[in-house]
Amino acid sequence: MLAPHPALPQEKFSPFSSGETQTIDPSSWWIQFHDPVLNQLVSESLQNNLSLAEARQRLQQTRLELGSADLRYLPELHFVTQNVTSASGIDTFVQFGFDSTWELDLFGRKDSTLQQARGAQLAQASRQDAVEVSIIGDVVRSYLELRTAEQQLATLDHLAAIDQHWLNQLQRQQTLGLASAQAVQEAALENARAQRSHTDWEIQKMQSAWRLALLIGQRQPDPAWLSTPTGAMPAELSLPPLPLSLLLSRPEIRLAEASIMQTAGALGMAKADLYPSLTLGLGYFFSTNETRNVTFYGELNSAPSFGPVIDIPLFDWGRRRRHEQALKAALQADLLAYRQSVRAAYVEVQNDLIALKGQAEALKQQQFLQQGSSLSLQTENQKLKLGMSSPLQLLRIQHDQDEQQLQLTEASTRYDMAYIALFKSLGGAALPQGKKS
């Protein structure tokens, strides 16, 4: 009659092919960006984020409820007072005394109750882990978006200066009849497009700063975020070995496991409800006639009581039986949902690994193009010194190099975002291992 403790289904998958052998703690994956400011922001978010604080309080609630879940199966003692009026309505009696009950743990009721409470605790712990994983990923993402905006703005400022110089040169040539009005107009439009891009990146910078402030529990962004220039992020990030066991730490999978525990506990209670329940009762009561006695202790009668309270299912036994069968079906459904969550997690991680690999290739290609642009600029400088080129041609190549730099920064950001998505999909891998319960 004990509550069922079903074994979790085991799924067999091929190992993840990360291609790396470095020993990196996956519980602090964000330190691979080698940015002390980012590390500090993550630490502040774990301490001050309100959503995370709420999740911790709810977890504490389930822990306290687990500690008292089995108290109903211990003896209880009550002091009871009541006023009773006789059927004729003439006399009023005051009754007081002690009442003790003890529900015996029969047919696994206590075990089922505890299993339901443990499932509730695991479910809330999984929700807290999900909140923490999401917050860490969002902090890293917002910070990288902020830094990307800073890098793009710096490049756009340099590009705007080149475009303005280019426009000024064309305007001088137009006065000399060496450049057409169309060429001047195209240069002006190019300058306007650069200004529009500058405005867009300013908006993203401010939005990222406000999101970051919310995540770390501040009411407004730190002015240092908006004024302090930052250097480039690392072009390549190392991947730690990714064992398949990391999948089981995902909050979604642990939440599915908690659902199995809760349903199994409910099934155990449903099985126990098919059989009688027994409660032992003990009482000692005093009674006095408040209407006829001059003093309260004039006539004080007392009587002890002792006996069992037996609840035997008779006419509703069929309903209880159907409820048990329904919970059996629910338990099988939870086991299937657990298997599906594990498979979906595996596919998600594989997709994120594929995306990370693709973004890494795109980043390398963009780096190659940037190197080629730098070589062209060096060559053009040498030609200009030898009188074999013009300043306008040099400005055009400098413009192209800045355009390549903008694309390189975007490619690097896409690679970083793919890296974040991978560790978010691993779920519990972003949490300290000692916190697993």
Protein backbone atom coordinates (compact mmCIF):
# COMPACT_ATOMS: atom_id res chain seq x y z
CA MET A 1 0.00 0.00 0.00
CA LEU A 2 3.02 2.31 0.13
CA ALA A 3 3.18 5.18 -2.34
CA PRO A 4 4.79 4.06 -5.62
CA HIS A 5 8.32 5.26 -6.27
CA PRO A 6 8.64 4.78 -10.04
CA ALA A 7 12.11 4.73 -11.54
CA LEU A 8 12.81 7.59 -13.92
CA PRO A 9 12.98 6.49 -17.57
CA GLN A 10 16.52 6.30 -18.95
CA GLU A 11 17.19 7.70 -22.41
CA LYS A 12 20.31 6.80 -24.40
CA PHE A 13 21.88 9.50 -26.57
CA SER A 14 25.14 10.04 -28.37
CA PRO A 15 27.62 12.23 -26.46
CA PHE A 16 27.75 15.92 -27.25
CA SER A 17 30.61 16.74 -29.61
CA SER A 18 31.96 19.98 -28.21
CA GLY A 19 35.39 19.53 -29.75
CA GLU A 20 37.10 21.01 -26.69
CA THR A 21 39.06 19.40 -23.88
CA GLN A 22 39.66 22.37 -21.55
CA THR A 23 38.59 21.94 -17.97
CA ILE A 24 36.08 24.74 -17.38
CA ASP A 25 33.56 24.88 -14.59
CA PRO A 26 30.18 24.96 -16.36
CA SER A 27 28.62 26.45 -13.23
CA SER A 28 30.29 29.79 -14.01
CA TRP A 29 30.38 29.82 -17.80
CA TRP A 30 30.18 33.62 -18.04
CA ILE A 31 33.73 34.06 -16.70
CA GLN A 32 34.94 32.95 -20.14
CA PHE A 33 34.34 36.54 -21.26
CA HIS A 34 37.16 37.59 -18.89
CA ASP A 35 35.35 40.74 -17.83
CA PRO A 36 35.42 41.62 -14.11
CA VAL A 37 32.55 44.09 -14.59
CA LEU A 38 30.36 41.32 -16.00
CA ASN A 39 31.31 38.99 -13.14
CA GLN A 40 30.32 41.68 -10.64
CA LEU A 41 27.00 42.30 -12.39
CA VAL A 42 26.12 38.61 -12.30
CA SER A 43 26.97 38.49 -8.59
CA GLU A 44 24.79 41.54 -7.91
CA SER A 45 21.88 40.07 -9.85
CA LEU A 46 22.01 36.85 -7.81
CA GLN A 47 21.87 38.92 -4.63
CA ASN A 48 19.44 41.70 -5.52
CA ASN A 49 17.08 40.52 -8.28
CA LEU A 50 13.51 40.68 -6.97
CA SER A 51 12.17 37.80 -9.06
CA LEU A 52 14.91 35.56 -7.73
CA ALA A 53 14.24 36.72 -4.17
CA GLU A 54 10.58 35.85 -4.64
CA ALA A 55 11.47 32.37 -5.93
CA ARG A 56 13.71 31.80 -2.91
CA GLN A 57 10.94 32.76 -0.51
CA ARG A 58 8.53 30.37 -2.23
CA LEU A 59 11.12 27.63 -1.97
CA GLN A 60 11.46 28.37 1.73
CA GLN A 61 7.69 28.08 1.99
CA THR A 62 7.71 24.57 0.50
CA ARG A 63 10.57 23.55 2.80
CA LEU A 64 8.60 24.61 5.86
CA GLU A 65 5.53 22.82 4.56
CA LEU A 66 7.60 19.67 4.03
CA GLY A 67 8.80 19.87 7.63
CA SER A 68 5.22 19.80 8.88
CA ALA A 69 3.70 17.47 6.29
CA ASP A 70 3.74 14.40 8.56
CA LEU A 71 2.63 16.12 11.76
CA ARG A 72 -0.97 15.04 11.20
CA TYR A 73 0.13 11.49 11.97
CA LEU A 74 1.38 12.47 15.43
CA PRO A 75 -0.89 12.74 18.49
CA GLU A 76 -2.66 16.09 18.82
CA LEU A 77 -3.83 17.69 22.06
CA HIS A 78 -6.46 20.44 22.22
CA PHE A 79 -8.06 22.43 25.00
CA VAL A 80 -11.73 22.90 24.15
CA THR A 81 -14.39 25.23 25.63
CA GLN A 82 -17.99 25.63 24.49
CA ASN A 83 -21.43 26.73 25.62
CA VAL A 84 -24.30 24.28 25.17
CA THR A 85 -27.98 25.16 25.55
CA SER A 86 -30.44 22.44 26.55
CA ALA A 87 -33.16 21.37 24.14
CA SER A 88 -35.79 23.18 26.25
CA GLY A 89 -33.81 26.39 26.09
CA ILE A 90 -33.91 26.81 29.87
CA ASP A 91 -30.43 25.74 30.97
CA THR A 92 -27.04 26.69 29.59
CA PHE A 93 -24.02 24.53 30.23
CA VAL A 94 -20.36 25.47 30.12
CA GLN A 95 -18.15 22.65 28.95
CA PHE A 96 -14.35 22.59 28.87
CA GLY A 97 -11.64 19.98 28.81
CA PHE A 98 -8.90 18.27 26.87
CA ASP A 99 -9.29 16.47 23.56
CA SER A 100 -6.53 14.33 22.04
CA THR A 101 -6.59 12.54 18.67
CA TRP A 102 -4.07 10.35 16.90
CA GLU A 103 -4.56 9.29 13.29
CA LEU A 104 -2.68 6.05 12.80
CA ASP A 105 -0.41 5.73 9.80
CA LEU A 106 -2.11 2.88 7.98
CA PHE A 107 -1.72 1.77 4.37
CA GLY A 108 1.11 4.22 3.57
CA ARG A 109 -0.71 7.50 4.12
CA LYS A 110 2.26 9.14 5.81
CA ASP A 111 4.68 8.01 3.11
CA SER A 112 2.36 9.33 0.38
CA THR A 113 1.93 12.65 2.14
CA LEU A 114 5.68 13.13 2.46
CA GLN A 115 6.22 12.19 -1.17
CA GLN A 116 3.73 14.82 -2.31
CA ALA A 117 5.47 17.42 -0.15
CA ARG A 118 8.90 16.44 -1.49
CA GLY A 119 7.55 16.73 -5.02
CA ALA A 120 6.23 20.21 -4.26
CA GLN A 121 9.62 21.23 -2.87
CA LEU A 122 11.45 19.87 -5.90
CA ALA A 123 9.03 21.67 -8.21
CA GLN A 124 9.65 24.99 -6.51
CA ALA A 125 13.40 24.39 -6.44
CA SER A 126 13.23 23.76 -10.20
CA ARG A 127 11.32 27.00 -10.70
CA GLN A 128 13.95 28.86 -8.70
CA ASP A 129 16.69 27.31 -10.82
CA ALA A 130 14.82 28.34 -13.98
CA VAL A 131 14.59 31.92 -12.74
CA GLU A 132 18.28 31.95 -11.84
CA VAL A 133 19.37 30.50 -15.17
CA SER A 134 17.23 33.02 -17.02
CA ILE A 135 18.51 35.96 -14.98
CA ILE A 136 22.17 35.02 -15.48
CA GLY A 137 21.65 34.63 -19.22
CA ASP A 138 19.75 37.91 -19.48
CA VAL A 139 22.41 39.79 -17.50
CA VAL A 140 25.16 38.50 -19.79
CA ARG A 141 23.07 39.20 -22.89
CA SER A 142 22.16 42.75 -21.82
CA TYR A 143 25.74 43.53 -20.88
CA LEU A 144 27.06 42.24 -24.21
CA GLU A 145 24.42 44.21 -26.09
CA LEU A 146 25.50 47.31 -24.19
CA ARG A 147 29.14 46.75 -25.04
CA THR A 148 28.28 45.96 -28.67
CA ALA A 149 26.43 49.25 -28.92
CA GLU A 150 29.48 51.07 -27.51
CA GLN A 151 31.80 49.43 -30.04
CA GLN A 152 29.43 50.15 -32.93
CA LEU A 153 29.04 53.77 -31.88
CA ALA A 154 32.81 54.22 -31.73
CA THR A 155 33.16 52.76 -35.24
CA LEU A 156 30.28 54.86 -36.55
CA ASP A 157 31.89 58.02 -35.15
CA HIS A 158 35.05 57.23 -37.07
CA LEU A 159 33.01 56.37 -40.14
CA ALA A 160 31.06 59.63 -39.89
CA ALA A 161 34.30 61.61 -39.84
CA ILE A 162 35.49 59.80 -42.98
CA ASP A 163 32.16 60.37 -44.73
CA GLN A 164 32.18 64.05 -43.85
CA HIS A 165 35.74 64.40 -45.16
CA TRP A 166 34.72 62.52 -48.30
CA LEU A 167 31.73 64.84 -48.77
CA ASN A 168 33.88 67.93 -48.30
CA GLN A 169 36.37 66.67 -50.89
CA LEU A 170 33.61 66.00 -53.42
CA GLN A 171 32.10 69.42 -52.86
CA ARG A 172 35.48 71.06 -53.57
CA GLN A 173 35.86 68.94 -56.72
CA GLN A 174 32.33 69.91 -57.78
CA THR A 175 33.24 73.58 -57.64
CA LEU A 176 36.19 72.79 -59.90
CA GLY A 177 34.03 70.76 -62.24
CA LEU A 178 35.79 67.50 -61.34
CA ALA A 179 32.82 65.81 -59.62
CA SER A 180 29.16 65.54 -60.53
CA ALA A 181 26.22 66.70 -58.44
CA GLN A 182 25.02 63.10 -58.31
CA ALA A 183 28.26 61.97 -56.65
CA VAL A 184 27.91 64.71 -54.05
CA GLN A 185 24.29 63.76 -53.42
CA GLU A 186 25.19 60.06 -52.97
CA ALA A 187 27.89 60.98 -50.47
CA ALA A 188 25.40 63.10 -48.52
CA LEU A 189 22.91 60.22 -48.44
CA GLU A 190 25.64 57.87 -47.19
CA ASN A 191 26.41 60.33 -44.42
CA ALA A 192 22.72 60.50 -43.47
CA ARG A 193 22.47 56.69 -43.32
CA ALA A 194 25.45 56.59 -40.95
CA GLN A 195 23.75 59.14 -38.71
CA ARG A 196 20.57 57.03 -38.69
CA SER A 197 22.56 53.95 -37.66
CA HIS A 198 24.22 55.98 -34.92
CA THR A 199 20.78 56.90 -33.52
CA ASP A 200 19.62 53.27 -33.58
CA TRP A 201 22.65 52.11 -31.65
CA GLU A 202 22.20 54.91 -29.11
CA ILE A 203 18.66 53.65 -28.51
CA GLN A 204 19.86 50.05 -28.08
CA LYS A 205 22.56 51.21 -25.67
CA MET A 206 20.06 52.98 -23.42
CA GLN A 207 17.56 50.11 -23.57
CA SER A 208 20.25 47.56 -22.67
CA ALA A 209 21.36 49.71 -19.73
CA TRP A 210 17.82 49.92 -18.35
CA ARG A 211 17.28 46.16 -18.74
CA LEU A 212 20.55 45.56 -16.94
CA ALA A 213 19.52 47.87 -14.10
CA LEU A 214 16.27 45.95 -13.63
CA LEU A 215 18.06 42.61 -13.60
CA ILE A 216 20.54 43.58 -10.89
CA GLY A 217 17.91 45.26 -8.73
CA GLN A 218 18.73 48.91 -9.40
CA ARG A 219 16.16 51.61 -10.08
CA GLN A 220 18.20 53.21 -12.85
CA PRO A 221 21.35 52.47 -14.86
CA ASP A 222 24.75 53.17 -13.43
CA PRO A 223 26.16 56.27 -15.20
CA ALA A 224 29.50 54.48 -15.48
CA TRP A 225 27.91 52.00 -17.90
CA LEU A 226 27.10 54.82 -20.33
CA SER A 227 30.32 56.79 -20.07
CA THR A 228 33.13 54.29 -19.63
CA PRO A 229 34.39 52.90 -22.97
CA THR A 230 35.10 49.20 -23.02
CA GLY A 231 37.48 47.04 -24.99
CA ALA A 232 36.66 44.28 -27.42
CA MET A 233 35.27 41.00 -26.18
CA PRO A 234 37.27 37.79 -26.73
CA ALA A 235 36.85 36.53 -30.27
CA GLU A 236 36.68 32.87 -29.29
CA LEU A 237 35.19 31.28 -26.20
CA SER A 238 36.18 27.87 -24.89
CA LEU A 239 33.64 25.14 -24.37
CA PRO A 240 33.90 22.76 -21.43
CA PRO A 241 33.22 19.06 -21.81
CA LEU A 242 29.45 18.64 -21.92
CA PRO A 243 28.44 15.32 -20.35
CA LEU A 244 24.92 14.08 -20.97
CA SER A 245 24.30 14.17 -17.23
CA LEU A 246 24.07 17.96 -17.50
CA LEU A 247 20.71 17.50 -19.19
CA LEU A 248 19.17 16.09 -16.02
CA SER A 249 19.91 19.33 -14.18
CA ARG A 250 17.69 21.38 -16.50
CA PRO A 251 14.84 22.99 -14.56
CA GLU A 252 12.26 21.67 -17.03
CA ILE A 253 13.41 18.09 -16.52
CA ARG A 254 13.56 18.41 -12.74
CA LEU A 255 10.07 19.95 -12.85
CA ALA A 256 8.86 16.89 -14.77
CA GLU A 257 10.50 14.70 -12.13
CA ALA A 258 8.70 16.68 -9.41
CA SER A 259 5.39 16.11 -11.19
CA ILE A 260 6.05 12.35 -11.11
CA MET A 261 6.73 12.50 -7.37
CA GLN A 262 3.57 14.48 -6.65
CA THR A 263 1.38 12.24 -8.79
CA ALA A 264 2.90 9.12 -7.21
CA GLY A 265 2.16 10.54 -3.76
CA ALA A 266 -1.42 11.32 -4.75
CA LEU A 267 -1.76 7.78 -6.11
CA GLY A 268 -0.52 6.38 -2.80
CA MET A 269 -3.14 8.42 -0.95
CA ALA A 270 -5.81 7.22 -3.37
CA LYS A 271 -4.81 3.61 -2.67
CA ALA A 272 -4.90 4.21 1.08
CA ASP A 273 -8.36 5.80 0.77
CA LEU A 274 -9.69 2.46 -0.50
CA TYR A 275 -9.17 1.06 2.99
CA PRO A 276 -10.42 2.15 6.43
CA SER A 277 -8.73 4.90 8.38
CA LEU A 278 -8.38 4.64 12.14
CA THR A 279 -8.07 7.54 14.60
CA LEU A 280 -7.73 7.08 18.34
CA GLY A 281 -9.45 9.65 20.51
CA LEU A 282 -9.00 10.53 24.19
CA GLY A 283 -10.82 13.27 26.07
CA TYR A 284 -11.63 14.49 29.55
CA PHE A 285 -14.39 17.09 29.82
CA PHE A 286 -15.95 19.14 32.63
CA SER A 287 -19.44 20.58 32.61
CA THR A 288 -21.41 22.92 34.87
CA ASN A 289 -24.92 24.35 34.71
CA GLU A 290 -24.39 28.06 34.30
CA THR A 291 -28.08 28.90 34.75
CA ARG A 292 -28.77 27.19 38.09
CA ASN A 293 -25.41 27.39 39.86
CA VAL A 294 -24.75 30.42 41.99
CA THR A 295 -21.03 29.94 41.67
CA PHE A 296 -19.15 28.52 38.78
CA TYR A 297 -17.89 25.56 40.81
CA GLY A 298 -21.26 24.80 42.44
CA GLU A 299 -21.79 21.60 40.51
CA LEU A 300 -18.89 20.53 38.36
CA ASN A 301 -19.35 17.24 36.56
CA SER A 302 -16.61 15.48 34.63
CA ALA A 303 -16.34 12.45 32.42
CA PRO A 304 -13.48 10.85 30.47
CA SER A 305 -13.88 9.46 26.98
CA PHE A 306 -11.77 7.10 24.91
CA GLY A 307 -12.37 5.25 21.72
CA PRO A 308 -11.49 4.80 18.06
CA VAL A 309 -12.90 6.71 15.10
CA ILE A 310 -13.13 4.37 12.12
CA ASP A 311 -13.85 5.61 8.58
CA ILE A 312 -14.81 2.73 6.30
CA PRO A 313 -15.52 3.49 2.62
CA LEU A 314 -18.80 1.86 1.64
CA PHE A 315 -21.10 3.62 -0.77
CA ASP A 316 -18.33 5.81 -2.31
CA TRP A 317 -15.81 3.02 -2.74
CA GLY A 318 -16.41 2.92 -6.51
CA ARG A 319 -15.69 6.64 -6.80
CA ARG A 320 -12.45 6.19 -4.86
CA ARG A 321 -11.51 3.26 -7.05
CA ARG A 322 -12.01 5.29 -10.23
CA HIS A 323 -9.95 8.10 -8.73
CA GLU A 324 -7.11 5.65 -8.11
CA GLN A 325 -7.29 4.40 -11.70
CA ALA A 326 -7.26 7.97 -13.00
CA LEU A 327 -4.10 8.73 -11.01
CA LYS A 328 -2.45 5.60 -12.42
CA ALA A 329 -3.08 6.98 -15.90
CA ALA A 330 -1.80 10.38 -14.79
CA LEU A 331 1.40 8.78 -13.48
CA GLN A 332 2.01 7.07 -16.81
CA ALA A 333 1.41 10.38 -18.56
CA ASP A 334 3.96 12.08 -16.28
CA LEU A 335 6.53 9.40 -17.09
CA LEU A 336 5.98 9.97 -20.81
CA ALA A 337 6.23 13.73 -20.30
CA TYR A 338 9.55 13.21 -18.51
CA ARG A 339 10.91 11.21 -21.44
CA GLN A 340 9.74 13.88 -23.86
CA SER A 341 11.34 16.66 -21.82
CA VAL A 342 14.68 14.81 -21.83
CA ARG A 343 14.53 14.25 -25.58
CA ALA A 344 13.51 17.85 -26.25
CA ALA A 345 16.37 19.08 -24.08
CA TYR A 346 18.86 16.94 -25.98
CA VAL A 347 17.63 18.26 -29.32
CA GLU A 348 17.74 21.85 -28.07
CA VAL A 349 21.34 21.50 -26.91
CA GLN A 350 22.32 19.88 -30.20
CA ASN A 351 20.68 22.72 -32.15
CA ASP A 352 22.49 25.27 -30.02
CA LEU A 353 25.79 23.50 -30.63
CA ILE A 354 25.10 23.56 -34.36
CA ALA A 355 24.24 27.25 -34.19
CA LEU A 356 27.39 28.00 -32.19
CA LYS A 357 29.53 26.17 -34.71
CA GLY A 358 27.89 28.05 -37.58
CA GLN A 359 28.38 31.41 -35.90
CA ALA A 360 32.02 30.51 -35.21
CA GLU A 361 32.56 29.85 -38.94
CA ALA A 362 30.81 33.09 -39.86
CA LEU A 363 33.00 34.96 -37.37
CA LYS A 364 36.18 33.48 -38.86
CA GLN A 365 35.06 34.48 -42.36
CA GLN A 366 34.35 38.01 -41.21
CA GLN A 367 37.73 38.18 -39.49
CA PHE A 368 39.35 37.10 -42.78
CA LEU A 369 37.52 39.87 -44.63
CA GLN A 370 38.59 42.40 -42.00
CA GLN A 371 42.21 41.33 -42.34
CA GLY A 372 41.97 41.70 -46.11
CA SER A 373 40.55 45.20 -45.71
CA SER A 374 43.40 46.15 -43.36
CA LEU A 375 45.96 44.93 -45.92
CA SER A 376 44.27 46.94 -48.66
CA LEU A 377 44.43 50.05 -46.46
CA GLN A 378 48.15 49.54 -45.84
CA THR A 379 48.76 49.09 -49.56
CA GLU A 380 46.79 52.21 -50.41
CA ASN A 381 48.76 54.25 -47.88
CA GLN A 382 51.99 53.18 -49.54
CA LYS A 383 50.60 54.08 -52.98
CA LEU A 384 49.55 57.48 -51.71
CA LYS A 385 53.06 58.16 -50.40
CA LEU A 386 54.46 57.22 -53.82
CA GLY A 387 51.96 59.43 -55.60
CA MET A 388 50.22 56.44 -57.19
CA SER A 389 46.82 57.04 -55.54
CA SER A 390 44.52 59.85 -54.47
CA PRO A 391 43.24 60.90 -51.03
CA LEU A 392 39.68 60.12 -52.15
CA GLN A 393 40.60 56.54 -52.95
CA LEU A 394 42.21 56.22 -49.54
CA LEU A 395 39.05 57.56 -47.90
CA ARG A 396 36.96 55.02 -49.79
CA ILE A 397 39.10 52.13 -48.55
CA GLN A 398 38.99 53.51 -44.99
CA HIS A 399 35.20 53.68 -45.33
CA ASP A 400 35.09 50.03 -46.47
CA GLN A 401 37.29 48.98 -43.55
CA ASP A 402 34.92 50.63 -41.05
CA GLU A 403 31.99 48.89 -42.71
CA GLN A 404 33.81 45.58 -42.31
CA GLN A 405 34.46 46.43 -38.65
CA LEU A 406 30.75 47.01 -38.09
CA GLN A 407 29.97 43.63 -39.59
CA LEU A 408 32.74 41.99 -37.57
CA THR A 409 31.30 43.36 -34.32
CA GLU A 410 27.87 42.07 -35.27
CA ALA A 411 29.29 38.63 -36.14
CA SER A 412 31.11 38.52 -32.81
CA THR A 413 27.92 39.44 -30.97
CA ARG A 414 25.94 36.72 -32.76
CA TYR A 415 28.60 34.21 -31.72
CA ASP A 416 28.41 35.40 -28.10
CA MET A 417 24.61 35.15 -28.14
CA ALA A 418 24.85 31.59 -29.45
CA TYR A 419 27.24 30.80 -26.60
CA ILE A 420 24.74 32.21 -24.09
CA ALA A 421 21.88 30.24 -25.66
CA LEU A 422 23.86 27.01 -25.34
CA PHE A 423 24.39 27.36 -21.61
CA LYS A 424 20.83 28.52 -21.05
CA SER A 425 19.62 25.38 -22.81
CA LEU A 426 21.81 23.32 -20.48
CA GLY A 427 19.77 24.83 -17.65
CA GLY A 428 21.16 23.69 -14.34
CA ALA A 429 24.71 23.75 -15.71
CA ALA A 430 24.64 27.46 -15.01
CA LEU A 431 24.04 26.86 -11.33
CA PRO A 432 26.51 25.94 -8.58
CA GLN A 433 26.54 22.20 -8.22
CA GLY A 434 26.26 22.36 -4.45
CA LYS A 435 22.78 23.84 -4.72
CA LYS A 436 21.27 20.79 -6.35
CA SER A 437 18.74 19.12 -4.11
